[in-house]
PDBML (XML) file of the C-alpha atoms, coordinates in Angstrom:
<?xml version="1.0" encoding="UTF-8" ?>
<PDBx:datablock datablockName="MODEL"
   xmlns:PDBx="http://pdbml.pdb.org/schema/pdbx-v50.xsd"
   xmlns:xsi="http://www.w3.org/2001/XMLSchema-instance"
   xsi:schemaLocation="http://pdbml.pdb.org/schema/pdbx-v50.xsd pdbx-v50.xsd">
   <PDBx:atom_siteCategory>
      <PDBx:atom_site id="1">
         <PDBx:B_iso_or_equiv>0.00</PDBx:B_iso_or_equiv>
         <PDBx:Cartn_x>22.498</PDBx:Cartn_x>
         <PDBx:Cartn_y>-9.859</PDBx:Cartn_y>
         <PDBx:Cartn_z>9.075</PDBx:Cartn_z>
         <PDBx:auth_asym_id>A</PDBx:auth_asym_id>
         <PDBx:auth_atom_id>CA</PDBx:auth_atom_id>
         <PDBx:auth_comp_id>GLU</PDBx:auth_comp_id>
         <PDBx:auth_seq_id>1</PDBx:auth_seq_id>
         <PDBx:group_PDB>ATOM</PDBx:group_PDB>
         <PDBx:label_alt_id xsi:nil="true" />
         <PDBx:label_asym_id>A</PDBx:label_asym_id>
         <PDBx:label_atom_id>CA</PDBx:label_atom_id>
         <PDBx:label_comp_id>GLU</PDBx:label_comp_id>
         <PDBx:label_entity_id>1</PDBx:label_entity_id>
         <PDBx:label_seq_id>1</PDBx:label_seq_id>
         <PDBx:occupancy>1.00</PDBx:occupancy>
         <PDBx:pdbx_PDB_model_num>1</PDBx:pdbx_PDB_model_num>
         <PDBx:type_symbol>C</PDBx:type_symbol>
      </PDBx:atom_site>
      <PDBx:atom_site id="2">
         <PDBx:B_iso_or_equiv>0.00</PDBx:B_iso_or_equiv>
         <PDBx:Cartn_x>24.845</PDBx:Cartn_x>
         <PDBx:Cartn_y>-12.133</PDBx:Cartn_y>
         <PDBx:Cartn_z>7.126</PDBx:Cartn_z>
         <PDBx:auth_asym_id>A</PDBx:auth_asym_id>
         <PDBx:auth_atom_id>CA</PDBx:auth_atom_id>
         <PDBx:auth_comp_id>ASP</PDBx:auth_comp_id>
         <PDBx:auth_seq_id>2</PDBx:auth_seq_id>
         <PDBx:group_PDB>ATOM</PDBx:group_PDB>
         <PDBx:label_alt_id xsi:nil="true" />
         <PDBx:label_asym_id>A</PDBx:label_asym_id>
         <PDBx:label_atom_id>CA</PDBx:label_atom_id>
         <PDBx:label_comp_id>ASP</PDBx:label_comp_id>
         <PDBx:label_entity_id>1</PDBx:label_entity_id>
         <PDBx:label_seq_id>2</PDBx:label_seq_id>
         <PDBx:occupancy>1.00</PDBx:occupancy>
         <PDBx:pdbx_PDB_model_num>1</PDBx:pdbx_PDB_model_num>
         <PDBx:type_symbol>C</PDBx:type_symbol>
      </PDBx:atom_site>
      <PDBx:atom_site id="3">
         <PDBx:B_iso_or_equiv>0.00</PDBx:B_iso_or_equiv>
         <PDBx:Cartn_x>21.965</PDBx:Cartn_x>
         <PDBx:Cartn_y>-14.393</PDBx:Cartn_y>
         <PDBx:Cartn_z>6.059</PDBx:Cartn_z>
         <PDBx:auth_asym_id>A</PDBx:auth_asym_id>
         <PDBx:auth_atom_id>CA</PDBx:auth_atom_id>
         <PDBx:auth_comp_id>GLU</PDBx:auth_comp_id>
         <PDBx:auth_seq_id>3</PDBx:auth_seq_id>
         <PDBx:group_PDB>ATOM</PDBx:group_PDB>
         <PDBx:label_alt_id xsi:nil="true" />
         <PDBx:label_asym_id>A</PDBx:label_asym_id>
         <PDBx:label_atom_id>CA</PDBx:label_atom_id>
         <PDBx:label_comp_id>GLU</PDBx:label_comp_id>
         <PDBx:label_entity_id>1</PDBx:label_entity_id>
         <PDBx:label_seq_id>3</PDBx:label_seq_id>
         <PDBx:occupancy>1.00</PDBx:occupancy>
         <PDBx:pdbx_PDB_model_num>1</PDBx:pdbx_PDB_model_num>
         <PDBx:type_symbol>C</PDBx:type_symbol>
      </PDBx:atom_site>
      <PDBx:atom_site id="4">
         <PDBx:B_iso_or_equiv>0.00</PDBx:B_iso_or_equiv>
         <PDBx:Cartn_x>19.776</PDBx:Cartn_x>
         <PDBx:Cartn_y>-11.460</PDBx:Cartn_y>
         <PDBx:Cartn_z>5.109</PDBx:Cartn_z>
         <PDBx:auth_asym_id>A</PDBx:auth_asym_id>
         <PDBx:auth_atom_id>CA</PDBx:auth_atom_id>
         <PDBx:auth_comp_id>ALA</PDBx:auth_comp_id>
         <PDBx:auth_seq_id>4</PDBx:auth_seq_id>
         <PDBx:group_PDB>ATOM</PDBx:group_PDB>
         <PDBx:label_alt_id xsi:nil="true" />
         <PDBx:label_asym_id>A</PDBx:label_asym_id>
         <PDBx:label_atom_id>CA</PDBx:label_atom_id>
         <PDBx:label_comp_id>ALA</PDBx:label_comp_id>
         <PDBx:label_entity_id>1</PDBx:label_entity_id>
         <PDBx:label_seq_id>4</PDBx:label_seq_id>
         <PDBx:occupancy>1.00</PDBx:occupancy>
         <PDBx:pdbx_PDB_model_num>1</PDBx:pdbx_PDB_model_num>
         <PDBx:type_symbol>C</PDBx:type_symbol>
      </PDBx:atom_site>
      <PDBx:atom_site id="5">
         <PDBx:B_iso_or_equiv>0.00</PDBx:B_iso_or_equiv>
         <PDBx:Cartn_x>22.365</PDBx:Cartn_x>
         <PDBx:Cartn_y>-10.122</PDBx:Cartn_y>
         <PDBx:Cartn_z>2.678</PDBx:Cartn_z>
         <PDBx:auth_asym_id>A</PDBx:auth_asym_id>
         <PDBx:auth_atom_id>CA</PDBx:auth_atom_id>
         <PDBx:auth_comp_id>GLU</PDBx:auth_comp_id>
         <PDBx:auth_seq_id>5</PDBx:auth_seq_id>
         <PDBx:group_PDB>ATOM</PDBx:group_PDB>
         <PDBx:label_alt_id xsi:nil="true" />
         <PDBx:label_asym_id>A</PDBx:label_asym_id>
         <PDBx:label_atom_id>CA</PDBx:label_atom_id>
         <PDBx:label_comp_id>GLU</PDBx:label_comp_id>
         <PDBx:label_entity_id>1</PDBx:label_entity_id>
         <PDBx:label_seq_id>5</PDBx:label_seq_id>
         <PDBx:occupancy>1.00</PDBx:occupancy>
         <PDBx:pdbx_PDB_model_num>1</PDBx:pdbx_PDB_model_num>
         <PDBx:type_symbol>C</PDBx:type_symbol>
      </PDBx:atom_site>
      <PDBx:atom_site id="6">
         <PDBx:B_iso_or_equiv>0.00</PDBx:B_iso_or_equiv>
         <PDBx:Cartn_x>21.690</PDBx:Cartn_x>
         <PDBx:Cartn_y>-13.153</PDBx:Cartn_y>
         <PDBx:Cartn_z>0.455</PDBx:Cartn_z>
         <PDBx:auth_asym_id>A</PDBx:auth_asym_id>
         <PDBx:auth_atom_id>CA</PDBx:auth_atom_id>
         <PDBx:auth_comp_id>LYS</PDBx:auth_comp_id>
         <PDBx:auth_seq_id>6</PDBx:auth_seq_id>
         <PDBx:group_PDB>ATOM</PDBx:group_PDB>
         <PDBx:label_alt_id xsi:nil="true" />
         <PDBx:label_asym_id>A</PDBx:label_asym_id>
         <PDBx:label_atom_id>CA</PDBx:label_atom_id>
         <PDBx:label_comp_id>LYS</PDBx:label_comp_id>
         <PDBx:label_entity_id>1</PDBx:label_entity_id>
         <PDBx:label_seq_id>6</PDBx:label_seq_id>
         <PDBx:occupancy>1.00</PDBx:occupancy>
         <PDBx:pdbx_PDB_model_num>1</PDBx:pdbx_PDB_model_num>
         <PDBx:type_symbol>C</PDBx:type_symbol>
      </PDBx:atom_site>
      <PDBx:atom_site id="7">
         <PDBx:B_iso_or_equiv>0.00</PDBx:B_iso_or_equiv>
         <PDBx:Cartn_x>17.970</PDBx:Cartn_x>
         <PDBx:Cartn_y>-12.448</PDBx:Cartn_y>
         <PDBx:Cartn_z>0.331</PDBx:Cartn_z>
         <PDBx:auth_asym_id>A</PDBx:auth_asym_id>
         <PDBx:auth_atom_id>CA</PDBx:auth_atom_id>
         <PDBx:auth_comp_id>GLY</PDBx:auth_comp_id>
         <PDBx:auth_seq_id>7</PDBx:auth_seq_id>
         <PDBx:group_PDB>ATOM</PDBx:group_PDB>
         <PDBx:label_alt_id xsi:nil="true" />
         <PDBx:label_asym_id>A</PDBx:label_asym_id>
         <PDBx:label_atom_id>CA</PDBx:label_atom_id>
         <PDBx:label_comp_id>GLY</PDBx:label_comp_id>
         <PDBx:label_entity_id>1</PDBx:label_entity_id>
         <PDBx:label_seq_id>7</PDBx:label_seq_id>
         <PDBx:occupancy>1.00</PDBx:occupancy>
         <PDBx:pdbx_PDB_model_num>1</PDBx:pdbx_PDB_model_num>
         <PDBx:type_symbol>C</PDBx:type_symbol>
      </PDBx:atom_site>
      <PDBx:atom_site id="8">
         <PDBx:B_iso_or_equiv>0.00</PDBx:B_iso_or_equiv>
         <PDBx:Cartn_x>15.212</PDBx:Cartn_x>
         <PDBx:Cartn_y>-15.049</PDBx:Cartn_y>
         <PDBx:Cartn_z>0.379</PDBx:Cartn_z>
         <PDBx:auth_asym_id>A</PDBx:auth_asym_id>
         <PDBx:auth_atom_id>CA</PDBx:auth_atom_id>
         <PDBx:auth_comp_id>VAL</PDBx:auth_comp_id>
         <PDBx:auth_seq_id>8</PDBx:auth_seq_id>
         <PDBx:group_PDB>ATOM</PDBx:group_PDB>
         <PDBx:label_alt_id xsi:nil="true" />
         <PDBx:label_asym_id>A</PDBx:label_asym_id>
         <PDBx:label_atom_id>CA</PDBx:label_atom_id>
         <PDBx:label_comp_id>VAL</PDBx:label_comp_id>
         <PDBx:label_entity_id>1</PDBx:label_entity_id>
         <PDBx:label_seq_id>8</PDBx:label_seq_id>
         <PDBx:occupancy>1.00</PDBx:occupancy>
         <PDBx:pdbx_PDB_model_num>1</PDBx:pdbx_PDB_model_num>
         <PDBx:type_symbol>C</PDBx:type_symbol>
      </PDBx:atom_site>
      <PDBx:atom_site id="9">
         <PDBx:B_iso_or_equiv>0.00</PDBx:B_iso_or_equiv>
         <PDBx:Cartn_x>13.566</PDBx:Cartn_x>
         <PDBx:Cartn_y>-17.361</PDBx:Cartn_y>
         <PDBx:Cartn_z>-2.121</PDBx:Cartn_z>
         <PDBx:auth_asym_id>A</PDBx:auth_asym_id>
         <PDBx:auth_atom_id>CA</PDBx:auth_atom_id>
         <PDBx:auth_comp_id>CYS</PDBx:auth_comp_id>
         <PDBx:auth_seq_id>9</PDBx:auth_seq_id>
         <PDBx:group_PDB>ATOM</PDBx:group_PDB>
         <PDBx:label_alt_id xsi:nil="true" />
         <PDBx:label_asym_id>A</PDBx:label_asym_id>
         <PDBx:label_atom_id>CA</PDBx:label_atom_id>
         <PDBx:label_comp_id>CYS</PDBx:label_comp_id>
         <PDBx:label_entity_id>1</PDBx:label_entity_id>
         <PDBx:label_seq_id>9</PDBx:label_seq_id>
         <PDBx:occupancy>1.00</PDBx:occupancy>
         <PDBx:pdbx_PDB_model_num>1</PDBx:pdbx_PDB_model_num>
         <PDBx:type_symbol>C</PDBx:type_symbol>
      </PDBx:atom_site>
      <PDBx:atom_site id="10">
         <PDBx:B_iso_or_equiv>0.00</PDBx:B_iso_or_equiv>
         <PDBx:Cartn_x>10.619</PDBx:Cartn_x>
         <PDBx:Cartn_y>-19.734</PDBx:Cartn_y>
         <PDBx:Cartn_z>-2.210</PDBx:Cartn_z>
         <PDBx:auth_asym_id>A</PDBx:auth_asym_id>
         <PDBx:auth_atom_id>CA</PDBx:auth_atom_id>
         <PDBx:auth_comp_id>THR</PDBx:auth_comp_id>
         <PDBx:auth_seq_id>10</PDBx:auth_seq_id>
         <PDBx:group_PDB>ATOM</PDBx:group_PDB>
         <PDBx:label_alt_id xsi:nil="true" />
         <PDBx:label_asym_id>A</PDBx:label_asym_id>
         <PDBx:label_atom_id>CA</PDBx:label_atom_id>
         <PDBx:label_comp_id>THR</PDBx:label_comp_id>
         <PDBx:label_entity_id>1</PDBx:label_entity_id>
         <PDBx:label_seq_id>10</PDBx:label_seq_id>
         <PDBx:occupancy>1.00</PDBx:occupancy>
         <PDBx:pdbx_PDB_model_num>1</PDBx:pdbx_PDB_model_num>
         <PDBx:type_symbol>C</PDBx:type_symbol>
      </PDBx:atom_site>
      <PDBx:atom_site id="11">
         <PDBx:B_iso_or_equiv>0.00</PDBx:B_iso_or_equiv>
         <PDBx:Cartn_x>8.030</PDBx:Cartn_x>
         <PDBx:Cartn_y>-21.527</PDBx:Cartn_y>
         <PDBx:Cartn_z>-4.322</PDBx:Cartn_z>
         <PDBx:auth_asym_id>A</PDBx:auth_asym_id>
         <PDBx:auth_atom_id>CA</PDBx:auth_atom_id>
         <PDBx:auth_comp_id>HIS</PDBx:auth_comp_id>
         <PDBx:auth_seq_id>11</PDBx:auth_seq_id>
         <PDBx:group_PDB>ATOM</PDBx:group_PDB>
         <PDBx:label_alt_id xsi:nil="true" />
         <PDBx:label_asym_id>A</PDBx:label_asym_id>
         <PDBx:label_atom_id>CA</PDBx:label_atom_id>
         <PDBx:label_comp_id>HIS</PDBx:label_comp_id>
         <PDBx:label_entity_id>1</PDBx:label_entity_id>
         <PDBx:label_seq_id>11</PDBx:label_seq_id>
         <PDBx:occupancy>1.00</PDBx:occupancy>
         <PDBx:pdbx_PDB_model_num>1</PDBx:pdbx_PDB_model_num>
         <PDBx:type_symbol>C</PDBx:type_symbol>
      </PDBx:atom_site>
      <PDBx:atom_site id="12">
         <PDBx:B_iso_or_equiv>0.00</PDBx:B_iso_or_equiv>
         <PDBx:Cartn_x>4.349</PDBx:Cartn_x>
         <PDBx:Cartn_y>-20.754</PDBx:Cartn_y>
         <PDBx:Cartn_z>-3.829</PDBx:Cartn_z>
         <PDBx:auth_asym_id>A</PDBx:auth_asym_id>
         <PDBx:auth_atom_id>CA</PDBx:auth_atom_id>
         <PDBx:auth_comp_id>SER</PDBx:auth_comp_id>
         <PDBx:auth_seq_id>12</PDBx:auth_seq_id>
         <PDBx:group_PDB>ATOM</PDBx:group_PDB>
         <PDBx:label_alt_id xsi:nil="true" />
         <PDBx:label_asym_id>A</PDBx:label_asym_id>
         <PDBx:label_atom_id>CA</PDBx:label_atom_id>
         <PDBx:label_comp_id>SER</PDBx:label_comp_id>
         <PDBx:label_entity_id>1</PDBx:label_entity_id>
         <PDBx:label_seq_id>12</PDBx:label_seq_id>
         <PDBx:occupancy>1.00</PDBx:occupancy>
         <PDBx:pdbx_PDB_model_num>1</PDBx:pdbx_PDB_model_num>
         <PDBx:type_symbol>C</PDBx:type_symbol>
      </PDBx:atom_site>
      <PDBx:atom_site id="13">
         <PDBx:B_iso_or_equiv>0.00</PDBx:B_iso_or_equiv>
         <PDBx:Cartn_x>0.970</PDBx:Cartn_x>
         <PDBx:Cartn_y>-20.736</PDBx:Cartn_y>
         <PDBx:Cartn_z>-5.543</PDBx:Cartn_z>
         <PDBx:auth_asym_id>A</PDBx:auth_asym_id>
         <PDBx:auth_atom_id>CA</PDBx:auth_atom_id>
         <PDBx:auth_comp_id>SER</PDBx:auth_comp_id>
         <PDBx:auth_seq_id>13</PDBx:auth_seq_id>
         <PDBx:group_PDB>ATOM</PDBx:group_PDB>
         <PDBx:label_alt_id xsi:nil="true" />
         <PDBx:label_asym_id>A</PDBx:label_asym_id>
         <PDBx:label_atom_id>CA</PDBx:label_atom_id>
         <PDBx:label_comp_id>SER</PDBx:label_comp_id>
         <PDBx:label_entity_id>1</PDBx:label_entity_id>
         <PDBx:label_seq_id>13</PDBx:label_seq_id>
         <PDBx:occupancy>1.00</PDBx:occupancy>
         <PDBx:pdbx_PDB_model_num>1</PDBx:pdbx_PDB_model_num>
         <PDBx:type_symbol>C</PDBx:type_symbol>
      </PDBx:atom_site>
      <PDBx:atom_site id="14">
         <PDBx:B_iso_or_equiv>0.00</PDBx:B_iso_or_equiv>
         <PDBx:Cartn_x>0.536</PDBx:Cartn_x>
         <PDBx:Cartn_y>-17.159</PDBx:Cartn_y>
         <PDBx:Cartn_z>-4.429</PDBx:Cartn_z>
         <PDBx:auth_asym_id>A</PDBx:auth_asym_id>
         <PDBx:auth_atom_id>CA</PDBx:auth_atom_id>
         <PDBx:auth_comp_id>GLY</PDBx:auth_comp_id>
         <PDBx:auth_seq_id>14</PDBx:auth_seq_id>
         <PDBx:group_PDB>ATOM</PDBx:group_PDB>
         <PDBx:label_alt_id xsi:nil="true" />
         <PDBx:label_asym_id>A</PDBx:label_asym_id>
         <PDBx:label_atom_id>CA</PDBx:label_atom_id>
         <PDBx:label_comp_id>GLY</PDBx:label_comp_id>
         <PDBx:label_entity_id>1</PDBx:label_entity_id>
         <PDBx:label_seq_id>14</PDBx:label_seq_id>
         <PDBx:occupancy>1.00</PDBx:occupancy>
         <PDBx:pdbx_PDB_model_num>1</PDBx:pdbx_PDB_model_num>
         <PDBx:type_symbol>C</PDBx:type_symbol>
      </PDBx:atom_site>
      <PDBx:atom_site id="15">
         <PDBx:B_iso_or_equiv>0.00</PDBx:B_iso_or_equiv>
         <PDBx:Cartn_x>-0.061</PDBx:Cartn_x>
         <PDBx:Cartn_y>-15.986</PDBx:Cartn_y>
         <PDBx:Cartn_z>-0.878</PDBx:Cartn_z>
         <PDBx:auth_asym_id>A</PDBx:auth_asym_id>
         <PDBx:auth_atom_id>CA</PDBx:auth_atom_id>
         <PDBx:auth_comp_id>ASN</PDBx:auth_comp_id>
         <PDBx:auth_seq_id>15</PDBx:auth_seq_id>
         <PDBx:group_PDB>ATOM</PDBx:group_PDB>
         <PDBx:label_alt_id xsi:nil="true" />
         <PDBx:label_asym_id>A</PDBx:label_asym_id>
         <PDBx:label_atom_id>CA</PDBx:label_atom_id>
         <PDBx:label_comp_id>ASN</PDBx:label_comp_id>
         <PDBx:label_entity_id>1</PDBx:label_entity_id>
         <PDBx:label_seq_id>15</PDBx:label_seq_id>
         <PDBx:occupancy>1.00</PDBx:occupancy>
         <PDBx:pdbx_PDB_model_num>1</PDBx:pdbx_PDB_model_num>
         <PDBx:type_symbol>C</PDBx:type_symbol>
      </PDBx:atom_site>
      <PDBx:atom_site id="16">
         <PDBx:B_iso_or_equiv>0.00</PDBx:B_iso_or_equiv>
         <PDBx:Cartn_x>3.280</PDBx:Cartn_x>
         <PDBx:Cartn_y>-17.114</PDBx:Cartn_y>
         <PDBx:Cartn_z>0.558</PDBx:Cartn_z>
         <PDBx:auth_asym_id>A</PDBx:auth_asym_id>
         <PDBx:auth_atom_id>CA</PDBx:auth_atom_id>
         <PDBx:auth_comp_id>HIS</PDBx:auth_comp_id>
         <PDBx:auth_seq_id>16</PDBx:auth_seq_id>
         <PDBx:group_PDB>ATOM</PDBx:group_PDB>
         <PDBx:label_alt_id xsi:nil="true" />
         <PDBx:label_asym_id>A</PDBx:label_asym_id>
         <PDBx:label_atom_id>CA</PDBx:label_atom_id>
         <PDBx:label_comp_id>HIS</PDBx:label_comp_id>
         <PDBx:label_entity_id>1</PDBx:label_entity_id>
         <PDBx:label_seq_id>16</PDBx:label_seq_id>
         <PDBx:occupancy>1.00</PDBx:occupancy>
         <PDBx:pdbx_PDB_model_num>1</PDBx:pdbx_PDB_model_num>
         <PDBx:type_symbol>C</PDBx:type_symbol>
      </PDBx:atom_site>
      <PDBx:atom_site id="17">
         <PDBx:B_iso_or_equiv>0.00</PDBx:B_iso_or_equiv>
         <PDBx:Cartn_x>5.046</PDBx:Cartn_x>
         <PDBx:Cartn_y>-15.612</PDBx:Cartn_y>
         <PDBx:Cartn_z>-2.464</PDBx:Cartn_z>
         <PDBx:auth_asym_id>A</PDBx:auth_asym_id>
         <PDBx:auth_atom_id>CA</PDBx:auth_atom_id>
         <PDBx:auth_comp_id>ALA</PDBx:auth_comp_id>
         <PDBx:auth_seq_id>17</PDBx:auth_seq_id>
         <PDBx:group_PDB>ATOM</PDBx:group_PDB>
         <PDBx:label_alt_id xsi:nil="true" />
         <PDBx:label_asym_id>A</PDBx:label_asym_id>
         <PDBx:label_atom_id>CA</PDBx:label_atom_id>
         <PDBx:label_comp_id>ALA</PDBx:label_comp_id>
         <PDBx:label_entity_id>1</PDBx:label_entity_id>
         <PDBx:label_seq_id>17</PDBx:label_seq_id>
         <PDBx:occupancy>1.00</PDBx:occupancy>
         <PDBx:pdbx_PDB_model_num>1</PDBx:pdbx_PDB_model_num>
         <PDBx:type_symbol>C</PDBx:type_symbol>
      </PDBx:atom_site>
      <PDBx:atom_site id="18">
         <PDBx:B_iso_or_equiv>0.00</PDBx:B_iso_or_equiv>
         <PDBx:Cartn_x>3.466</PDBx:Cartn_x>
         <PDBx:Cartn_y>-12.209</PDBx:Cartn_y>
         <PDBx:Cartn_z>-1.998</PDBx:Cartn_z>
         <PDBx:auth_asym_id>A</PDBx:auth_asym_id>
         <PDBx:auth_atom_id>CA</PDBx:auth_atom_id>
         <PDBx:auth_comp_id>LEU</PDBx:auth_comp_id>
         <PDBx:auth_seq_id>18</PDBx:auth_seq_id>
         <PDBx:group_PDB>ATOM</PDBx:group_PDB>
         <PDBx:label_alt_id xsi:nil="true" />
         <PDBx:label_asym_id>A</PDBx:label_asym_id>
         <PDBx:label_atom_id>CA</PDBx:label_atom_id>
         <PDBx:label_comp_id>LEU</PDBx:label_comp_id>
         <PDBx:label_entity_id>1</PDBx:label_entity_id>
         <PDBx:label_seq_id>18</PDBx:label_seq_id>
         <PDBx:occupancy>1.00</PDBx:occupancy>
         <PDBx:pdbx_PDB_model_num>1</PDBx:pdbx_PDB_model_num>
         <PDBx:type_symbol>C</PDBx:type_symbol>
      </PDBx:atom_site>
      <PDBx:atom_site id="19">
         <PDBx:B_iso_or_equiv>0.00</PDBx:B_iso_or_equiv>
         <PDBx:Cartn_x>3.812</PDBx:Cartn_x>
         <PDBx:Cartn_y>-12.375</PDBx:Cartn_y>
         <PDBx:Cartn_z>1.804</PDBx:Cartn_z>
         <PDBx:auth_asym_id>A</PDBx:auth_asym_id>
         <PDBx:auth_atom_id>CA</PDBx:auth_atom_id>
         <PDBx:auth_comp_id>SER</PDBx:auth_comp_id>
         <PDBx:auth_seq_id>19</PDBx:auth_seq_id>
         <PDBx:group_PDB>ATOM</PDBx:group_PDB>
         <PDBx:label_alt_id xsi:nil="true" />
         <PDBx:label_asym_id>A</PDBx:label_asym_id>
         <PDBx:label_atom_id>CA</PDBx:label_atom_id>
         <PDBx:label_comp_id>SER</PDBx:label_comp_id>
         <PDBx:label_entity_id>1</PDBx:label_entity_id>
         <PDBx:label_seq_id>19</PDBx:label_seq_id>
         <PDBx:occupancy>1.00</PDBx:occupancy>
         <PDBx:pdbx_PDB_model_num>1</PDBx:pdbx_PDB_model_num>
         <PDBx:type_symbol>C</PDBx:type_symbol>
      </PDBx:atom_site>
      <PDBx:atom_site id="20">
         <PDBx:B_iso_or_equiv>0.00</PDBx:B_iso_or_equiv>
         <PDBx:Cartn_x>7.518</PDBx:Cartn_x>
         <PDBx:Cartn_y>-13.200</PDBx:Cartn_y>
         <PDBx:Cartn_z>1.576</PDBx:Cartn_z>
         <PDBx:auth_asym_id>A</PDBx:auth_asym_id>
         <PDBx:auth_atom_id>CA</PDBx:auth_atom_id>
         <PDBx:auth_comp_id>LEU</PDBx:auth_comp_id>
         <PDBx:auth_seq_id>20</PDBx:auth_seq_id>
         <PDBx:group_PDB>ATOM</PDBx:group_PDB>
         <PDBx:label_alt_id xsi:nil="true" />
         <PDBx:label_asym_id>A</PDBx:label_asym_id>
         <PDBx:label_atom_id>CA</PDBx:label_atom_id>
         <PDBx:label_comp_id>LEU</PDBx:label_comp_id>
         <PDBx:label_entity_id>1</PDBx:label_entity_id>
         <PDBx:label_seq_id>20</PDBx:label_seq_id>
         <PDBx:occupancy>1.00</PDBx:occupancy>
         <PDBx:pdbx_PDB_model_num>1</PDBx:pdbx_PDB_model_num>
         <PDBx:type_symbol>C</PDBx:type_symbol>
      </PDBx:atom_site>
      <PDBx:atom_site id="21">
         <PDBx:B_iso_or_equiv>0.00</PDBx:B_iso_or_equiv>
         <PDBx:Cartn_x>7.946</PDBx:Cartn_x>
         <PDBx:Cartn_y>-10.393</PDBx:Cartn_y>
         <PDBx:Cartn_z>-0.954</PDBx:Cartn_z>
         <PDBx:auth_asym_id>A</PDBx:auth_asym_id>
         <PDBx:auth_atom_id>CA</PDBx:auth_atom_id>
         <PDBx:auth_comp_id>SER</PDBx:auth_comp_id>
         <PDBx:auth_seq_id>21</PDBx:auth_seq_id>
         <PDBx:group_PDB>ATOM</PDBx:group_PDB>
         <PDBx:label_alt_id xsi:nil="true" />
         <PDBx:label_asym_id>A</PDBx:label_asym_id>
         <PDBx:label_atom_id>CA</PDBx:label_atom_id>
         <PDBx:label_comp_id>SER</PDBx:label_comp_id>
         <PDBx:label_entity_id>1</PDBx:label_entity_id>
         <PDBx:label_seq_id>21</PDBx:label_seq_id>
         <PDBx:occupancy>1.00</PDBx:occupancy>
         <PDBx:pdbx_PDB_model_num>1</PDBx:pdbx_PDB_model_num>
         <PDBx:type_symbol>C</PDBx:type_symbol>
      </PDBx:atom_site>
      <PDBx:atom_site id="22">
         <PDBx:B_iso_or_equiv>0.00</PDBx:B_iso_or_equiv>
         <PDBx:Cartn_x>6.191</PDBx:Cartn_x>
         <PDBx:Cartn_y>-8.021</PDBx:Cartn_y>
         <PDBx:Cartn_z>1.468</PDBx:Cartn_z>
         <PDBx:auth_asym_id>A</PDBx:auth_asym_id>
         <PDBx:auth_atom_id>CA</PDBx:auth_atom_id>
         <PDBx:auth_comp_id>TYR</PDBx:auth_comp_id>
         <PDBx:auth_seq_id>22</PDBx:auth_seq_id>
         <PDBx:group_PDB>ATOM</PDBx:group_PDB>
         <PDBx:label_alt_id xsi:nil="true" />
         <PDBx:label_asym_id>A</PDBx:label_asym_id>
         <PDBx:label_atom_id>CA</PDBx:label_atom_id>
         <PDBx:label_comp_id>TYR</PDBx:label_comp_id>
         <PDBx:label_entity_id>1</PDBx:label_entity_id>
         <PDBx:label_seq_id>22</PDBx:label_seq_id>
         <PDBx:occupancy>1.00</PDBx:occupancy>
         <PDBx:pdbx_PDB_model_num>1</PDBx:pdbx_PDB_model_num>
         <PDBx:type_symbol>C</PDBx:type_symbol>
      </PDBx:atom_site>
      <PDBx:atom_site id="23">
         <PDBx:B_iso_or_equiv>0.00</PDBx:B_iso_or_equiv>
         <PDBx:Cartn_x>8.399</PDBx:Cartn_x>
         <PDBx:Cartn_y>-9.056</PDBx:Cartn_y>
         <PDBx:Cartn_z>4.388</PDBx:Cartn_z>
         <PDBx:auth_asym_id>A</PDBx:auth_asym_id>
         <PDBx:auth_atom_id>CA</PDBx:auth_atom_id>
         <PDBx:auth_comp_id>ALA</PDBx:auth_comp_id>
         <PDBx:auth_seq_id>23</PDBx:auth_seq_id>
         <PDBx:group_PDB>ATOM</PDBx:group_PDB>
         <PDBx:label_alt_id xsi:nil="true" />
         <PDBx:label_asym_id>A</PDBx:label_asym_id>
         <PDBx:label_atom_id>CA</PDBx:label_atom_id>
         <PDBx:label_comp_id>ALA</PDBx:label_comp_id>
         <PDBx:label_entity_id>1</PDBx:label_entity_id>
         <PDBx:label_seq_id>23</PDBx:label_seq_id>
         <PDBx:occupancy>1.00</PDBx:occupancy>
         <PDBx:pdbx_PDB_model_num>1</PDBx:pdbx_PDB_model_num>
         <PDBx:type_symbol>C</PDBx:type_symbol>
      </PDBx:atom_site>
      <PDBx:atom_site id="24">
         <PDBx:B_iso_or_equiv>0.00</PDBx:B_iso_or_equiv>
         <PDBx:Cartn_x>11.606</PDBx:Cartn_x>
         <PDBx:Cartn_y>-8.957</PDBx:Cartn_y>
         <PDBx:Cartn_z>2.329</PDBx:Cartn_z>
         <PDBx:auth_asym_id>A</PDBx:auth_asym_id>
         <PDBx:auth_atom_id>CA</PDBx:auth_atom_id>
         <PDBx:auth_comp_id>ALA</PDBx:auth_comp_id>
         <PDBx:auth_seq_id>24</PDBx:auth_seq_id>
         <PDBx:group_PDB>ATOM</PDBx:group_PDB>
         <PDBx:label_alt_id xsi:nil="true" />
         <PDBx:label_asym_id>A</PDBx:label_asym_id>
         <PDBx:label_atom_id>CA</PDBx:label_atom_id>
         <PDBx:label_comp_id>ALA</PDBx:label_comp_id>
         <PDBx:label_entity_id>1</PDBx:label_entity_id>
         <PDBx:label_seq_id>24</PDBx:label_seq_id>
         <PDBx:occupancy>1.00</PDBx:occupancy>
         <PDBx:pdbx_PDB_model_num>1</PDBx:pdbx_PDB_model_num>
         <PDBx:type_symbol>C</PDBx:type_symbol>
      </PDBx:atom_site>
   </PDBx:atom_siteCategory>
</PDBx:datablock>
C-alpha cells in the first residue's frame, strides 16, 4: 500500500506502457 501511493512509471514502445496504465 505504501509503494502504491507513489504510483508507477516506465519506458516502453507501446504495449507495456498501455498495459501498465491499464493495471494502474
